[in-house]
Every structure is written in C-alpha cells, then in structure tokens.
Amino acid sequence: MEQDVYFLDFIIKALVENPQDVKITRTVDEMGVLMTLDVNPADMGKIIGREGNTAKAIRTLLRVVGMKNNARVNLKINEPVGGMKEVKPASASKTVDEAMADLKL
C-alpha cells in the first residue's frame, strides 16, 4: 500500500463510526495523484467538519505527505448516493388579507 493511501486510511478510520465502509481509490495522471474517498453517509459530517475545516485539514496533511514523496496529492470526497436532500421552501399558508386581519389593526 502506498504511503499516502495508508496515511489517509489511518486518519479517516480514526474519525468515522463505520470504518468498514471506508473506500479509498488512488489514481495517478499528469496532474498528480488523485485520491477519491467514499464513506458511510452517516459519517460524512465527521469527515467534512464544521464549515469544511476537517476536510481542509486532511487535504493539507495529504499535500505534506505528497511533498515528501515529490508528488502533488489531491483529495476528492464523494457525495453519498442520493446526495443531500432538497430543502423545500415553506409555502404561504395565509393570504396578505388574512394576515392583516389577524393583526387586528
């Protein structure tokens, strides 16, 4: 196993509740090394972190590991199947006239 894959595997499995669902795919092309991460949908929040800070930190550490091996390493975190649920806007339940009547002005 490559050092960068081993490192990412260790970090991610330490963070998640379902380490058996962690899948890392490593591809190399002219742009460098691309590591694709798949995790259990329940663990996505732990990997992304508040405002994406955990994901940014993991990417920074991977770049450091890549520099040690003279490679440019990038991380792509795959969205779980089904994606994020679409939020529907709240529908207006009253007309303007009804709302004004409720105010009793």
Protein backbone atom coordinates (compact mmCIF):
# COMPACT_ATOMS: atom_id res chain seq x y z
CA MET A 1 0.00 0.00 0.00
CA GLU A 2 1.31 3.46 -0.92
CA GLN A 3 2.25 5.75 1.97
CA ASP A 4 -0.37 8.36 1.09
CA VAL A 5 -3.15 5.74 0.93
CA TYR A 6 -2.03 4.22 4.23
CA PHE A 7 -1.93 7.67 5.85
CA LEU A 8 -5.40 8.66 4.60
CA ASP A 9 -6.83 5.28 5.60
CA PHE A 10 -5.46 5.66 9.13
CA ILE A 11 -6.80 9.22 9.56
CA ILE A 12 -10.28 8.54 8.14
CA LYS A 13 -10.84 5.29 10.02
CA ALA A 14 -9.91 7.05 13.25
CA LEU A 15 -12.61 9.68 12.63
CA VAL A 16 -15.60 7.62 11.47
CA GLU A 17 -18.07 5.34 13.26
CA ASN A 18 -18.17 2.82 10.36
CA PRO A 19 -14.52 2.16 9.39
CA GLN A 20 -15.51 -0.93 7.39
CA ASP A 21 -17.29 1.35 4.87
CA VAL A 22 -14.21 3.47 4.09
CA LYS A 23 -13.04 3.05 0.49
CA ILE A 24 -10.03 4.88 -0.96
CA THR A 25 -9.19 4.87 -4.66
CA ARG A 26 -5.82 6.20 -5.83
CA THR A 27 -5.22 7.30 -9.42
CA VAL A 28 -2.13 8.88 -10.93
CA ASP A 29 -2.12 11.09 -14.03
CA GLU A 30 -0.15 14.03 -15.44
CA MET A 31 -1.71 16.38 -12.85
CA GLY A 32 -0.51 14.28 -9.90
CA VAL A 33 -2.20 11.87 -7.52
CA LEU A 34 -5.96 11.94 -7.02
CA MET A 35 -7.33 10.12 -4.01
CA THR A 36 -11.07 9.51 -4.01
CA LEU A 37 -12.77 8.84 -0.69
CA ASP A 38 -16.08 7.06 -0.11
CA VAL A 39 -17.53 6.79 3.41
CA ASN A 40 -20.80 5.80 5.02
CA PRO A 41 -23.37 8.61 4.57
CA ALA A 42 -23.77 8.81 8.36
CA ASP A 43 -20.06 9.66 8.68
CA MET A 44 -19.97 12.48 6.10
CA GLY A 45 -20.35 15.19 8.74
CA LYS A 46 -17.33 13.93 10.65
CA ILE A 47 -15.17 13.95 7.53
CA ILE A 48 -16.30 17.37 6.29
CA GLY A 49 -16.37 19.03 9.71
CA ARG A 50 -17.82 22.39 10.67
CA GLU A 51 -17.56 24.74 7.68
CA GLY A 52 -15.35 22.15 5.97
CA ASN A 53 -12.46 22.64 8.36
CA THR A 54 -11.77 18.93 8.91
CA ALA A 55 -11.70 18.25 5.16
CA LYS A 56 -9.34 21.21 4.63
CA ALA A 57 -7.01 19.91 7.34
CA ILE A 58 -6.97 16.41 5.84
CA ARG A 59 -6.19 17.86 2.39
CA THR A 60 -3.35 19.95 3.85
CA LEU A 61 -1.82 16.92 5.57
CA LEU A 62 -2.09 14.90 2.34
CA ARG A 63 -0.25 17.64 0.44
CA VAL A 64 2.55 17.47 3.03
CA VAL A 65 2.79 13.69 2.59
CA GLY A 66 2.83 14.25 -1.17
CA MET A 67 5.64 16.81 -0.95
CA LYS A 68 7.71 14.31 0.97
CA ASN A 69 7.29 11.91 -1.97
CA ASN A 70 7.64 14.60 -4.69
CA ALA A 71 4.01 14.24 -5.76
CA ARG A 72 1.01 16.54 -5.88
CA VAL A 73 -1.79 14.87 -3.93
CA ASN A 74 -5.43 15.95 -4.12
CA LEU A 75 -8.43 14.54 -2.25
CA LYS A 76 -11.93 14.19 -3.64
CA ILE A 77 -14.68 13.26 -1.19
CA ASN A 78 -17.55 11.56 -3.00
CA GLU A 79 -21.06 12.57 -2.05
CA PRO A 80 -23.14 9.63 -0.81
CA VAL A 81 -25.72 8.03 -3.09
CA GLY A 82 -28.88 10.10 -3.04
CA GLY A 83 -26.98 13.27 -2.19
CA MET A 84 -28.29 15.93 0.09
CA LYS A 85 -31.99 16.15 0.50
CA GLU A 86 -33.53 19.09 -1.28
CA VAL A 87 -34.98 21.66 1.07
CA LYS A 88 -38.41 22.83 0.00
CA PRO A 89 -39.38 26.42 0.75
CA ALA A 90 -42.21 26.89 3.20
CA SER A 91 -45.45 27.64 1.41
CA ALA A 92 -47.51 30.63 2.45
CA SER A 93 -50.45 29.38 4.45
CA LYS A 94 -52.33 32.68 4.61
CA THR A 95 -53.03 35.46 2.18
CA VAL A 96 -51.95 39.01 2.94
CA ASP A 97 -55.55 39.98 3.76
CA GLU A 98 -55.88 37.13 6.27
CA ALA A 99 -52.56 38.02 7.90
CA MET A 100 -53.64 41.68 8.20
CA ALA A 101 -56.95 40.61 9.74
CA ASP A 102 -55.03 38.59 12.33
CA LEU A 103 -53.11 41.69 13.38
CA LYS A 104 -56.41 43.46 14.25
CA LEU A 105 -55.12 46.91 13.44
